[in-house]
């Protein structure tokens, strides 16, 4: 497993549907080593902290393996690493095999997987196509967020080392699929609602969908 690219970017204002919108989805590649803090990478900043950023969303990671699919979907998009607003573009880390709670070392920093990415309208700004939000969700190519367990430094080309596999055995794909699925799979819903590595808002959402026994 490998870190292919590191990208960061400050907020900027862009025009979208006749209004100015503040967004940090446009990222640029970093040359050399960069500091990873508890809330973000150096020189990176989230625009709307009510839905982005924070301890559980410090670093957004996206699999490089998905780019071939999206380049076919957007053949004129000149889609380079960082095109989905990710900080890390990786090789060998996929939603179907990476578990919520898995721990990794990259460079001198350590990370834990916390949740899939649920896109907001700003992904539509990035691609100049509001329809991509639905296509992104349906594609199963969400990427995922890391929380930072140990601050340190990373650079493109670093290996990604698995430190510990979460024993609850729920993948990023499991959680993303469960979010929009019906409530028939109560066993998985219950497991997700008890998954301590998953942020509390996600656990509360799954807990509310559990069937209550008849009184």
N, C-alpha and C. Protein backbone atom coordinates (compact mmCIF):
# COMPACT_ATOMS: atom_id res chain seq x y z
N UNK A 1 0.85 -1.19 0.00
CA UNK A 1 0.00 0.00 0.00
C UNK A 1 0.89 1.24 0.00
N UNK A 2 0.42 2.26 -0.70
CA UNK A 2 1.30 3.41 -0.93
C UNK A 2 0.51 4.71 -0.99
N UNK A 3 1.13 5.78 -0.53
CA UNK A 3 0.59 7.13 -0.65
C UNK A 3 1.14 7.73 -1.95
N UNK A 4 0.28 7.90 -2.93
CA UNK A 4 0.74 8.38 -4.24
C UNK A 4 0.84 9.89 -4.31
N UNK A 5 -0.06 10.58 -3.61
CA UNK A 5 -0.09 12.04 -3.72
C UNK A 5 -0.63 12.65 -2.44
N UNK A 6 -0.13 13.82 -2.09
CA UNK A 6 -0.64 14.62 -0.98
C UNK A 6 -1.05 15.97 -1.55
N UNK A 7 -2.30 16.37 -1.30
CA UNK A 7 -2.79 17.64 -1.83
C UNK A 7 -3.46 18.44 -0.72
N UNK A 8 -3.28 19.75 -0.76
CA UNK A 8 -3.87 20.64 0.24
C UNK A 8 -4.39 21.89 -0.46
N UNK A 9 -5.18 22.67 0.25
CA UNK A 9 -5.67 23.91 -0.32
C UNK A 9 -6.41 24.75 0.69
N UNK A 10 -6.25 26.07 0.62
CA UNK A 10 -7.01 26.97 1.49
C UNK A 10 -8.39 27.24 0.91
N UNK A 11 -9.28 27.82 1.70
CA UNK A 11 -10.59 28.19 1.15
C UNK A 11 -10.46 29.24 0.05
N UNK A 12 -11.39 29.16 -0.88
CA UNK A 12 -11.49 30.19 -1.92
C UNK A 12 -12.96 30.42 -2.22
N UNK A 13 -13.25 31.56 -2.80
CA UNK A 13 -14.61 31.87 -3.19
C UNK A 13 -14.77 31.67 -4.69
N UNK A 14 -15.82 30.94 -5.07
CA UNK A 14 -16.11 30.70 -6.47
C UNK A 14 -17.58 31.04 -6.71
N UNK A 15 -17.89 31.37 -7.95
CA UNK A 15 -19.29 31.66 -8.28
C UNK A 15 -19.99 30.37 -8.68
N UNK A 16 -21.16 30.14 -8.10
CA UNK A 16 -21.94 28.93 -8.39
C UNK A 16 -23.41 29.30 -8.37
N UNK A 17 -24.05 29.16 -9.52
CA UNK A 17 -25.48 29.46 -9.67
C UNK A 17 -25.79 30.89 -9.23
N UNK A 18 -24.92 31.80 -9.63
CA UNK A 18 -25.13 33.21 -9.38
C UNK A 18 -24.76 33.70 -8.01
N UNK A 19 -24.18 32.83 -7.18
CA UNK A 19 -23.78 33.22 -5.83
C UNK A 19 -22.31 32.88 -5.58
N UNK A 20 -21.70 33.62 -4.67
CA UNK A 20 -20.33 33.30 -4.26
C UNK A 20 -20.37 32.23 -3.17
N UNK A 21 -19.62 31.18 -3.37
CA UNK A 21 -19.57 30.06 -2.42
C UNK A 21 -18.13 29.87 -1.97
N UNK A 22 -17.96 29.70 -0.68
CA UNK A 22 -16.63 29.47 -0.11
C UNK A 22 -16.38 27.95 -0.05
N UNK A 23 -15.27 27.48 -0.63
CA UNK A 23 -14.99 26.06 -0.69
C UNK A 23 -13.49 25.79 -0.63
N UNK A 24 -13.15 24.62 -0.13
CA UNK A 24 -11.75 24.18 -0.09
C UNK A 24 -11.55 22.92 -0.92
N UNK A 25 -12.46 22.64 -1.84
CA UNK A 25 -12.39 21.39 -2.58
C UNK A 25 -11.29 21.39 -3.64
N UNK A 26 -10.79 22.57 -3.99
CA UNK A 26 -9.72 22.65 -4.98
C UNK A 26 -8.36 22.53 -4.27
N UNK A 27 -7.64 21.47 -4.58
CA UNK A 27 -6.38 21.17 -3.89
C UNK A 27 -5.21 21.20 -4.88
N UNK A 28 -4.02 21.43 -4.32
CA UNK A 28 -2.78 21.42 -5.12
C UNK A 28 -1.80 20.44 -4.50
N UNK A 29 -0.97 19.79 -5.34
CA UNK A 29 -0.02 18.80 -4.81
C UNK A 29 1.07 19.44 -3.97
N UNK A 30 1.51 18.69 -2.97
CA UNK A 30 2.58 19.12 -2.08
C UNK A 30 3.88 18.45 -2.52
N UNK A 31 4.94 19.22 -2.58
CA UNK A 31 6.26 18.67 -2.85
C UNK A 31 7.03 18.57 -1.54
N UNK A 32 7.56 17.41 -1.27
CA UNK A 32 8.31 17.23 -0.04
C UNK A 32 7.41 16.86 1.13
N UNK A 33 7.99 16.85 2.30
CA UNK A 33 7.29 16.43 3.49
C UNK A 33 6.39 17.54 4.02
N UNK A 34 5.26 17.11 4.64
CA UNK A 34 4.31 18.08 5.17
C UNK A 34 3.83 17.59 6.53
N UNK A 35 3.58 18.52 7.41
CA UNK A 35 3.16 18.22 8.77
C UNK A 35 1.68 17.83 8.82
N UNK A 36 1.38 16.80 9.58
CA UNK A 36 0.00 16.37 9.82
C UNK A 36 -0.34 16.67 11.27
N UNK A 37 -1.36 17.51 11.47
CA UNK A 37 -1.82 17.82 12.81
C UNK A 37 -3.11 17.08 13.12
N UNK A 38 -3.64 17.33 14.30
CA UNK A 38 -4.86 16.63 14.73
C UNK A 38 -6.09 17.01 13.90
N UNK A 39 -6.09 18.21 13.34
CA UNK A 39 -7.27 18.69 12.64
C UNK A 39 -7.12 18.74 11.13
N UNK A 40 -5.90 18.77 10.64
CA UNK A 40 -5.69 18.84 9.19
C UNK A 40 -4.19 18.79 8.88
N UNK A 41 -3.89 18.84 7.59
CA UNK A 41 -2.51 18.96 7.15
C UNK A 41 -2.11 20.43 7.14
N UNK A 42 -0.83 20.68 7.28
CA UNK A 42 -0.33 22.03 7.19
C UNK A 42 -0.73 22.63 5.83
N UNK A 43 -1.17 23.88 5.85
CA UNK A 43 -1.58 24.61 4.64
C UNK A 43 -2.91 24.12 4.07
N UNK A 44 -3.61 23.27 4.80
CA UNK A 44 -4.94 22.84 4.38
C UNK A 44 -5.95 23.36 5.40
N UNK A 45 -7.11 23.76 4.91
CA UNK A 45 -8.12 24.29 5.82
C UNK A 45 -9.50 24.04 5.24
N UNK A 46 -10.43 23.57 6.07
CA UNK A 46 -11.80 23.34 5.63
C UNK A 46 -12.58 24.66 5.69
N UNK A 47 -13.54 24.79 4.77
CA UNK A 47 -14.29 26.05 4.66
C UNK A 47 -15.47 26.12 5.61
N UNK A 48 -16.23 25.05 5.72
CA UNK A 48 -17.46 25.03 6.52
C UNK A 48 -17.32 23.96 7.58
N UNK A 49 -16.94 24.36 8.77
CA UNK A 49 -16.66 23.40 9.84
C UNK A 49 -17.92 22.75 10.40
N UNK A 50 -19.09 23.21 9.98
CA UNK A 50 -20.32 22.55 10.44
C UNK A 50 -20.51 21.20 9.76
N UNK A 51 -19.90 21.02 8.59
CA UNK A 51 -20.05 19.74 7.87
C UNK A 51 -18.72 19.13 7.46
N UNK A 52 -17.64 19.91 7.53
CA UNK A 52 -16.32 19.41 7.13
C UNK A 52 -15.34 19.59 8.28
N UNK A 53 -14.29 18.78 8.26
CA UNK A 53 -13.22 18.96 9.23
C UNK A 53 -13.56 18.43 10.61
N UNK A 54 -12.72 18.78 11.56
CA UNK A 54 -12.87 18.27 12.91
C UNK A 54 -12.01 17.04 13.11
N UNK A 55 -11.98 16.56 14.34
CA UNK A 55 -11.14 15.42 14.70
C UNK A 55 -11.41 14.20 13.83
N UNK A 56 -12.68 13.92 13.56
CA UNK A 56 -13.05 12.70 12.83
C UNK A 56 -12.90 12.82 11.32
N UNK A 57 -12.66 14.03 10.83
CA UNK A 57 -12.51 14.26 9.39
C UNK A 57 -11.25 15.06 9.11
N UNK A 58 -10.18 14.72 9.77
CA UNK A 58 -8.94 15.49 9.64
C UNK A 58 -8.31 15.33 8.26
N UNK A 59 -8.37 14.13 7.72
CA UNK A 59 -7.70 13.83 6.44
C UNK A 59 -8.65 13.01 5.58
N UNK A 60 -8.88 13.46 4.35
CA UNK A 60 -9.72 12.72 3.42
C UNK A 60 -8.83 11.93 2.47
N UNK A 61 -9.11 10.63 2.35
CA UNK A 61 -8.31 9.72 1.53
C UNK A 61 -9.17 9.15 0.41
N UNK A 62 -8.60 9.09 -0.80
CA UNK A 62 -9.35 8.57 -1.94
C UNK A 62 -8.49 7.60 -2.74
N UNK A 63 -9.05 6.44 -3.10
CA UNK A 63 -8.28 5.44 -3.83
C UNK A 63 -7.96 5.86 -5.27
N UNK A 64 -6.71 5.75 -5.64
CA UNK A 64 -6.32 6.05 -7.03
C UNK A 64 -6.99 5.10 -8.01
N UNK A 65 -7.35 3.91 -7.54
CA UNK A 65 -7.96 2.90 -8.40
C UNK A 65 -9.28 3.37 -9.01
N UNK A 66 -9.92 4.37 -8.40
CA UNK A 66 -11.21 4.85 -8.89
C UNK A 66 -11.08 5.85 -10.04
N UNK A 67 -9.89 6.39 -10.24
CA UNK A 67 -9.75 7.47 -11.22
C UNK A 67 -10.02 7.01 -12.66
N UNK A 68 -9.70 5.76 -12.99
CA UNK A 68 -9.96 5.27 -14.35
C UNK A 68 -11.45 5.34 -14.65
N UNK A 69 -12.28 4.96 -13.66
CA UNK A 69 -13.73 5.02 -13.82
C UNK A 69 -14.19 6.46 -14.07
N UNK A 70 -13.72 7.39 -13.24
CA UNK A 70 -14.18 8.77 -13.34
C UNK A 70 -13.64 9.47 -14.58
N UNK A 71 -12.46 9.08 -15.04
CA UNK A 71 -11.93 9.70 -16.26
C UNK A 71 -12.75 9.29 -17.48
N UNK A 72 -13.37 8.12 -17.43
CA UNK A 72 -14.29 7.73 -18.49
C UNK A 72 -15.60 8.50 -18.37
N UNK A 73 -16.03 8.74 -17.14
CA UNK A 73 -17.26 9.50 -16.92
C UNK A 73 -17.10 10.97 -17.31
N UNK A 74 -15.90 11.51 -17.10
CA UNK A 74 -15.62 12.92 -17.39
C UNK A 74 -14.36 13.01 -18.27
N UNK A 75 -14.47 12.60 -19.55
CA UNK A 75 -13.29 12.50 -20.41
C UNK A 75 -12.60 13.83 -20.68
N UNK A 76 -13.30 14.93 -20.50
CA UNK A 76 -12.70 16.25 -20.74
C UNK A 76 -12.35 16.96 -19.45
N UNK A 77 -12.36 16.23 -18.36
CA UNK A 77 -12.19 16.86 -17.06
C UNK A 77 -10.77 17.09 -16.62
N UNK A 78 -9.79 16.54 -17.34
CA UNK A 78 -8.38 16.68 -16.94
C UNK A 78 -8.22 16.34 -15.45
N UNK A 79 -8.69 15.16 -15.08
CA UNK A 79 -8.81 14.77 -13.68
C UNK A 79 -7.48 14.24 -13.15
N UNK A 80 -6.87 15.01 -12.27
CA UNK A 80 -5.59 14.65 -11.66
C UNK A 80 -5.79 14.26 -10.20
N UNK A 81 -4.73 13.67 -9.58
CA UNK A 81 -4.81 13.34 -8.16
C UNK A 81 -5.25 14.57 -7.37
N UNK A 82 -6.09 14.34 -6.41
CA UNK A 82 -6.66 15.44 -5.63
C UNK A 82 -7.94 15.99 -6.22
N UNK A 83 -8.39 15.39 -7.32
CA UNK A 83 -9.56 15.91 -8.03
C UNK A 83 -10.85 15.83 -7.27
N UNK A 84 -10.92 14.99 -6.24
CA UNK A 84 -12.14 14.88 -5.44
C UNK A 84 -12.03 15.63 -4.11
N UNK A 85 -11.01 16.48 -4.03
CA UNK A 85 -10.80 17.24 -2.81
C UNK A 85 -10.09 16.47 -1.73
N UNK A 86 -9.54 15.30 -2.12
CA UNK A 86 -8.85 14.48 -1.11
C UNK A 86 -7.47 15.03 -0.77
N UNK A 87 -7.04 14.73 0.45
CA UNK A 87 -5.68 15.04 0.88
C UNK A 87 -4.70 13.95 0.49
N UNK A 88 -5.15 12.70 0.62
CA UNK A 88 -4.32 11.55 0.27
C UNK A 88 -4.94 10.82 -0.92
N UNK A 89 -4.15 10.62 -1.95
CA UNK A 89 -4.54 9.70 -3.01
C UNK A 89 -3.69 8.44 -2.82
N UNK A 90 -4.35 7.30 -2.66
CA UNK A 90 -3.66 6.09 -2.21
C UNK A 90 -3.72 4.97 -3.25
N UNK A 91 -2.87 3.99 -3.02
CA UNK A 91 -2.88 2.76 -3.80
C UNK A 91 -2.99 1.59 -2.83
N UNK A 92 -4.01 0.75 -3.03
CA UNK A 92 -4.14 -0.45 -2.21
C UNK A 92 -5.10 -0.33 -1.04
N UNK A 93 -5.74 0.82 -0.88
CA UNK A 93 -6.73 1.01 0.20
C UNK A 93 -8.10 1.23 -0.44
N UNK A 94 -8.96 0.22 -0.39
CA UNK A 94 -10.27 0.29 -1.02
C UNK A 94 -11.39 0.17 0.02
N UNK A 95 -12.53 0.73 -0.29
CA UNK A 95 -13.65 0.77 0.64
C UNK A 95 -14.12 -0.63 1.05
N UNK A 96 -14.03 -1.58 0.14
CA UNK A 96 -14.53 -2.92 0.42
C UNK A 96 -13.62 -3.77 1.27
N UNK A 97 -12.39 -3.35 1.46
CA UNK A 97 -11.43 -4.12 2.26
C UNK A 97 -10.85 -3.33 3.43
N UNK A 98 -11.19 -2.06 3.52
CA UNK A 98 -10.71 -1.21 4.62
C UNK A 98 -11.84 -1.06 5.63
N UNK A 99 -11.54 -1.33 6.90
CA UNK A 99 -12.56 -1.34 7.95
C UNK A 99 -12.57 -0.03 8.74
N UNK A 100 -13.75 0.36 9.17
CA UNK A 100 -13.85 1.44 10.15
C UNK A 100 -13.08 0.98 11.39
N UNK A 101 -12.17 1.82 11.86
CA UNK A 101 -11.36 1.47 13.02
C UNK A 101 -10.00 0.89 12.68
N UNK A 102 -9.73 0.59 11.41
CA UNK A 102 -8.39 0.14 11.03
C UNK A 102 -7.38 1.26 11.29
N UNK A 103 -6.18 0.84 11.72
CA UNK A 103 -5.14 1.82 12.06
C UNK A 103 -3.95 1.65 11.12
N UNK A 104 -3.41 2.79 10.68
CA UNK A 104 -2.32 2.79 9.72
C UNK A 104 -1.22 3.76 10.13
N UNK A 105 -0.01 3.46 9.66
CA UNK A 105 1.10 4.40 9.78
C UNK A 105 1.50 4.85 8.37
N UNK A 106 1.62 6.16 8.21
CA UNK A 106 2.11 6.75 6.97
C UNK A 106 3.19 7.75 7.35
N UNK A 107 4.39 7.58 6.84
CA UNK A 107 5.48 8.43 7.30
C UNK A 107 5.67 8.26 8.79
N UNK A 108 5.71 9.37 9.51
CA UNK A 108 5.83 9.30 10.97
C UNK A 108 4.51 9.53 11.68
N UNK A 109 3.41 9.62 10.92
CA UNK A 109 2.07 9.85 11.50
C UNK A 109 1.27 8.56 11.54
N UNK A 110 0.29 8.51 12.44
CA UNK A 110 -0.60 7.35 12.55
C UNK A 110 -2.05 7.80 12.46
N UNK A 111 -2.87 6.95 11.84
CA UNK A 111 -4.24 7.31 11.50
C UNK A 111 -5.20 6.18 11.83
N UNK A 112 -6.48 6.55 12.00
CA UNK A 112 -7.55 5.56 12.17
C UNK A 112 -8.69 5.93 11.22
N UNK A 113 -9.26 4.93 10.56
CA UNK A 113 -10.36 5.13 9.63
C UNK A 113 -11.64 5.39 10.42
N UNK A 114 -12.36 6.46 10.06
CA UNK A 114 -13.53 6.85 10.86
C UNK A 114 -14.87 6.74 10.13
N UNK A 115 -14.92 7.05 8.83
CA UNK A 115 -16.22 7.10 8.16
C UNK A 115 -16.06 7.27 6.66
N UNK A 116 -17.09 6.88 5.88
CA UNK A 116 -17.08 7.17 4.45
C UNK A 116 -17.31 8.66 4.22
N UNK A 117 -17.02 9.09 3.01
CA UNK A 117 -17.31 10.47 2.64
C UNK A 117 -18.73 10.55 2.06
N UNK A 118 -19.54 11.42 2.61
CA UNK A 118 -20.84 11.74 2.06
C UNK A 118 -20.72 13.11 1.39
N UNK A 119 -20.86 13.19 0.07
CA UNK A 119 -20.56 14.44 -0.64
C UNK A 119 -21.62 15.51 -0.42
N UNK A 120 -21.19 16.77 -0.42
CA UNK A 120 -22.11 17.89 -0.39
C UNK A 120 -22.13 18.53 -1.79
N UNK A 121 -22.88 19.60 -1.94
CA UNK A 121 -23.06 20.22 -3.25
C UNK A 121 -21.77 20.76 -3.85
N UNK A 122 -20.73 20.91 -3.02
CA UNK A 122 -19.48 21.48 -3.53
C UNK A 122 -18.72 20.52 -4.45
N UNK A 123 -19.02 19.23 -4.36
CA UNK A 123 -18.47 18.32 -5.35
C UNK A 123 -19.02 18.66 -6.74
N UNK A 124 -20.26 19.12 -6.78
CA UNK A 124 -20.84 19.58 -8.04
C UNK A 124 -20.13 20.80 -8.58
N UNK A 125 -19.68 21.67 -7.67
CA UNK A 125 -18.91 22.84 -8.10
C UNK A 125 -17.60 22.39 -8.73
N UNK A 126 -16.93 21.45 -8.08
CA UNK A 126 -15.64 20.97 -8.58
C UNK A 126 -15.76 20.43 -10.00
N UNK A 127 -16.85 19.72 -10.30
CA UNK A 127 -17.01 19.11 -11.61
C UNK A 127 -17.95 19.90 -12.53
N UNK A 128 -18.42 21.04 -12.01
CA UNK A 128 -19.37 21.87 -12.76
C UNK A 128 -20.56 21.02 -13.22
N UNK A 129 -21.02 20.16 -12.32
CA UNK A 129 -22.09 19.23 -12.65
C UNK A 129 -22.77 18.78 -11.36
N UNK A 130 -23.91 19.35 -11.00
CA UNK A 130 -24.58 18.94 -9.76
C UNK A 130 -25.01 17.48 -9.77
N UNK A 131 -25.13 16.88 -10.94
CA UNK A 131 -25.54 15.49 -11.03
C UNK A 131 -24.51 14.51 -10.53
N UNK A 132 -23.27 14.97 -10.36
CA UNK A 132 -22.23 14.03 -9.91
C UNK A 132 -22.48 13.55 -8.49
N UNK A 133 -23.21 14.31 -7.69
CA UNK A 133 -23.41 13.92 -6.29
C UNK A 133 -24.16 12.59 -6.22
N UNK A 134 -25.23 12.46 -6.98
CA UNK A 134 -25.97 11.20 -7.00
C UNK A 134 -25.13 10.08 -7.60
N UNK A 135 -24.39 10.38 -8.66
CA UNK A 135 -23.56 9.37 -9.31
C UNK A 135 -22.43 8.92 -8.39
N UNK A 136 -21.88 9.86 -7.64
CA UNK A 136 -20.81 9.55 -6.69
C UNK A 136 -21.32 8.58 -5.63
N UNK A 137 -22.49 8.85 -5.06
CA UNK A 137 -23.07 7.99 -4.03
C UNK A 137 -23.40 6.61 -4.58
N UNK A 138 -23.96 6.56 -5.77
CA UNK A 138 -24.36 5.29 -6.36
C UNK A 138 -23.17 4.46 -6.82
N UNK A 139 -22.04 5.10 -7.06
CA UNK A 139 -20.87 4.39 -7.60
C UNK A 139 -20.20 3.48 -6.58
N UNK A 140 -20.40 3.74 -5.28
CA UNK A 140 -19.69 2.99 -4.25
C UNK A 140 -18.24 3.41 -4.10
N UNK A 141 -17.86 4.50 -4.73
CA UNK A 141 -16.48 4.99 -4.69
C UNK A 141 -16.40 6.24 -3.83
N UNK A 142 -16.60 6.06 -2.53
CA UNK A 142 -16.75 7.20 -1.62
C UNK A 142 -15.43 7.75 -1.09
N UNK A 143 -14.41 6.90 -1.01
CA UNK A 143 -13.25 7.28 -0.20
C UNK A 143 -13.65 7.31 1.27
N UNK A 144 -12.73 7.75 2.12
CA UNK A 144 -13.04 7.76 3.55
C UNK A 144 -12.14 8.73 4.29
N UNK A 145 -12.55 9.00 5.52
CA UNK A 145 -11.81 9.94 6.37
C UNK A 145 -10.94 9.21 7.40
N UNK A 146 -9.84 9.89 7.72
CA UNK A 146 -8.96 9.48 8.81
C UNK A 146 -9.06 10.49 9.95
N UNK A 147 -9.01 10.01 11.18
CA UNK A 147 -8.61 10.82 12.32
C UNK A 147 -7.12 10.58 12.55
N UNK A 148 -6.46 11.55 13.13
CA UNK A 148 -5.02 11.47 13.35
C UNK A 148 -4.76 11.00 14.78
N UNK A 149 -4.16 9.84 14.91
CA UNK A 149 -3.82 9.30 16.23
C UNK A 149 -2.49 9.82 16.73
N UNK A 150 -1.58 10.02 15.79
CA UNK A 150 -0.25 10.51 16.15
C UNK A 150 0.19 11.51 15.09
N UNK A 151 0.46 12.73 15.51
CA UNK A 151 0.92 13.74 14.56
C UNK A 151 2.31 13.38 14.03
N UNK A 152 2.58 13.86 12.84
CA UNK A 152 3.88 13.55 12.24
C UNK A 152 4.01 14.22 10.89
N UNK A 153 4.81 13.61 10.01
CA UNK A 153 5.02 14.15 8.68
C UNK A 153 4.83 13.05 7.64
N UNK A 154 4.32 13.43 6.48
CA UNK A 154 4.13 12.49 5.38
C UNK A 154 4.64 13.12 4.10
N UNK A 155 4.86 12.29 3.09
CA UNK A 155 5.20 12.78 1.76
C UNK A 155 4.72 11.77 0.73
N UNK A 156 4.45 12.25 -0.46
CA UNK A 156 4.07 11.34 -1.54
C UNK A 156 5.17 10.31 -1.74
N UNK A 157 4.75 9.06 -1.90
CA UNK A 157 5.70 7.97 -2.03
C UNK A 157 5.88 7.15 -0.77
N UNK A 158 5.38 7.67 0.37
CA UNK A 158 5.45 6.89 1.62
C UNK A 158 4.65 5.60 1.50
N UNK A 159 5.15 4.55 2.14
CA UNK A 159 4.37 3.33 2.24
C UNK A 159 3.28 3.52 3.30
N UNK A 160 2.20 2.76 3.16
CA UNK A 160 1.10 2.77 4.12
C UNK A 160 1.12 1.43 4.84
N UNK A 161 1.35 1.46 6.13
CA UNK A 161 1.51 0.24 6.92
C UNK A 161 0.28 0.00 7.80
N UNK A 162 -0.33 -1.15 7.67
CA UNK A 162 -1.44 -1.51 8.55
C UNK A 162 -0.91 -1.86 9.93
N UNK A 163 -1.37 -1.14 10.94
CA UNK A 163 -0.94 -1.39 12.32
C UNK A 163 -1.87 -2.33 13.06
N UNK A 164 -3.18 -2.19 12.79
CA UNK A 164 -4.17 -3.03 13.48
C UNK A 164 -5.45 -3.05 12.69
N UNK A 165 -6.05 -4.24 12.59
CA UNK A 165 -7.33 -4.41 11.91
C UNK A 165 -8.43 -4.39 12.97
N UNK A 166 -9.47 -3.59 12.73
CA UNK A 166 -10.56 -3.51 13.69
C UNK A 166 -11.32 -4.82 13.74
N UNK A 167 -11.60 -5.30 14.94
CA UNK A 167 -12.20 -6.61 15.13
C UNK A 167 -13.70 -6.64 14.87
N UNK A 168 -14.34 -5.47 14.75
CA UNK A 168 -15.78 -5.44 14.44
C UNK A 168 -16.05 -5.83 12.99
N UNK A 169 -15.04 -5.70 12.14
CA UNK A 169 -15.11 -6.23 10.78
C UNK A 169 -16.22 -5.60 9.93
N UNK A 170 -16.41 -4.29 10.09
CA UNK A 170 -17.34 -3.54 9.24
C UNK A 170 -16.53 -2.63 8.33
N UNK A 171 -16.67 -2.82 7.03
CA UNK A 171 -15.86 -2.04 6.09
C UNK A 171 -16.48 -0.66 5.85
N UNK A 172 -15.68 0.19 5.23
CA UNK A 172 -16.19 1.49 4.80
C UNK A 172 -17.39 1.30 3.87
N UNK A 173 -17.29 0.34 2.97
CA UNK A 173 -18.40 0.06 2.05
C UNK A 173 -19.65 -0.40 2.79
N UNK A 174 -19.48 -1.22 3.83
CA UNK A 174 -20.62 -1.65 4.64
C UNK A 174 -21.38 -0.46 5.20
N UNK A 175 -20.64 0.49 5.75
CA UNK A 175 -21.26 1.65 6.39
C UNK A 175 -21.92 2.55 5.34
N UNK A 176 -21.23 2.78 4.22
CA UNK A 176 -21.80 3.61 3.16
C UNK A 176 -23.07 3.00 2.60
N UNK A 177 -23.07 1.69 2.41
CA UNK A 177 -24.26 1.01 1.88
C UNK A 177 -25.40 1.01 2.89
N UNK A 178 -25.06 0.87 4.16
CA UNK A 178 -26.07 0.83 5.20
C UNK A 178 -26.77 2.17 5.35
N UNK A 179 -26.07 3.23 5.03
CA UNK A 179 -26.61 4.58 5.20
C UNK A 179 -27.90 4.78 4.40
N UNK A 180 -27.92 4.24 3.18
CA UNK A 180 -29.07 4.47 2.32
C UNK A 180 -29.95 3.22 2.13
N UNK A 181 -29.57 2.11 2.76
CA UNK A 181 -30.33 0.87 2.60
C UNK A 181 -31.58 0.88 3.49
N UNK A 182 -32.48 -0.07 3.22
CA UNK A 182 -33.63 -0.19 4.12
C UNK A 182 -33.15 -0.80 5.45
N UNK A 183 -34.05 -0.89 6.41
CA UNK A 183 -33.68 -1.30 7.76
C UNK A 183 -33.82 -2.80 7.99
N UNK A 184 -33.84 -3.58 6.91
CA UNK A 184 -34.08 -5.02 7.08
C UNK A 184 -32.89 -5.75 7.70
N UNK A 185 -31.69 -5.24 7.49
CA UNK A 185 -30.52 -5.91 8.05
C UNK A 185 -30.24 -5.38 9.44
N UNK A 186 -31.04 -5.81 10.38
CA UNK A 186 -30.96 -5.30 11.74
C UNK A 186 -29.66 -5.69 12.44
N UNK A 187 -29.11 -6.84 12.09
CA UNK A 187 -27.87 -7.27 12.72
C UNK A 187 -26.73 -6.30 12.40
N UNK A 188 -26.60 -5.94 11.13
CA UNK A 188 -25.53 -5.01 10.73
C UNK A 188 -25.81 -3.62 11.29
N UNK A 189 -27.07 -3.20 11.29
CA UNK A 189 -27.41 -1.91 11.88
C UNK A 189 -27.00 -1.85 13.36
N UNK A 190 -27.27 -2.93 14.07
CA UNK A 190 -26.93 -2.98 15.49
C UNK A 190 -25.41 -2.93 15.68
N UNK A 191 -24.70 -3.69 14.88
CA UNK A 191 -23.24 -3.68 14.97
C UNK A 191 -22.68 -2.29 14.66
N UNK A 192 -23.26 -1.64 13.65
CA UNK A 192 -22.80 -0.30 13.29
C UNK A 192 -23.10 0.70 14.40
N UNK A 193 -24.25 0.54 15.06
CA UNK A 193 -24.64 1.47 16.13
C UNK A 193 -23.74 1.33 17.35
N UNK A 194 -23.03 0.22 17.44
CA UNK A 194 -22.14 -0.04 18.59
C UNK A 194 -20.66 0.09 18.22
N UNK A 195 -20.38 0.54 17.01
CA UNK A 195 -19.01 0.62 16.51
C UNK A 195 -18.34 1.88 17.05
N UNK A 196 -17.50 1.74 18.05
CA UNK A 196 -16.96 2.90 18.77
C UNK A 196 -16.05 3.77 17.90
N UNK A 197 -15.45 3.21 16.87
CA UNK A 197 -14.59 4.01 15.99
C UNK A 197 -15.40 4.89 15.05
N UNK A 198 -16.68 4.62 14.93
CA UNK A 198 -17.57 5.41 14.07
C UNK A 198 -18.04 6.63 14.86
N UNK A 199 -18.01 7.82 14.27
CA UNK A 199 -18.46 9.02 15.00
C UNK A 199 -19.87 8.87 15.54
N UNK A 200 -20.14 9.55 16.62
CA UNK A 200 -21.39 9.36 17.35
C UNK A 200 -22.62 9.72 16.51
N UNK A 201 -22.50 10.69 15.61
CA UNK A 201 -23.65 11.05 14.77
C UNK A 201 -24.07 9.90 13.88
N UNK A 202 -23.10 9.17 13.36
CA UNK A 202 -23.41 7.99 12.56
C UNK A 202 -24.06 6.91 13.42
N UNK A 203 -23.50 6.67 14.60
CA UNK A 203 -24.05 5.63 15.47
C UNK A 203 -25.48 5.96 15.89
N UNK A 204 -25.72 7.23 16.19
CA UNK A 204 -27.07 7.64 16.56
C UNK A 204 -28.05 7.42 15.41
N UNK A 205 -27.60 7.72 14.20
CA UNK A 205 -28.46 7.53 13.03
C UNK A 205 -28.84 6.06 12.87
N UNK A 206 -27.86 5.18 13.01
CA UNK A 206 -28.15 3.75 12.88
C UNK A 206 -28.99 3.25 14.06
N UNK A 207 -28.75 3.78 15.23
CA UNK A 207 -29.52 3.35 16.41
C UNK A 207 -31.00 3.69 16.26
N UNK A 208 -31.28 4.83 15.67
CA UNK A 208 -32.68 5.24 15.47
C UNK A 208 -33.40 4.35 14.48
N UNK A 209 -32.67 3.63 13.66
CA UNK A 209 -33.28 2.76 12.66
C UNK A 209 -33.45 1.33 13.14
N UNK A 210 -33.05 1.07 14.37
CA UNK A 210 -33.26 -0.25 14.92
C UNK A 210 -34.72 -0.43 15.32
N UNK A 211 -35.25 -1.60 15.04
CA UNK A 211 -36.63 -1.90 15.41
C UNK A 211 -36.75 -2.03 16.91
N UNK A 212 -37.81 -1.44 17.45
CA UNK A 212 -38.06 -1.53 18.89
C UNK A 212 -38.98 -2.73 19.15
N UNK A 213 -38.69 -3.51 20.18
CA UNK A 213 -39.58 -4.64 20.51
C UNK A 213 -40.96 -4.12 20.93
N UNK A 214 -41.97 -4.89 20.61
CA UNK A 214 -43.33 -4.51 21.00
C UNK A 214 -43.48 -4.56 22.52
N UNK A 215 -44.15 -3.58 23.06
CA UNK A 215 -44.39 -3.56 24.50
C UNK A 215 -45.65 -4.35 24.85
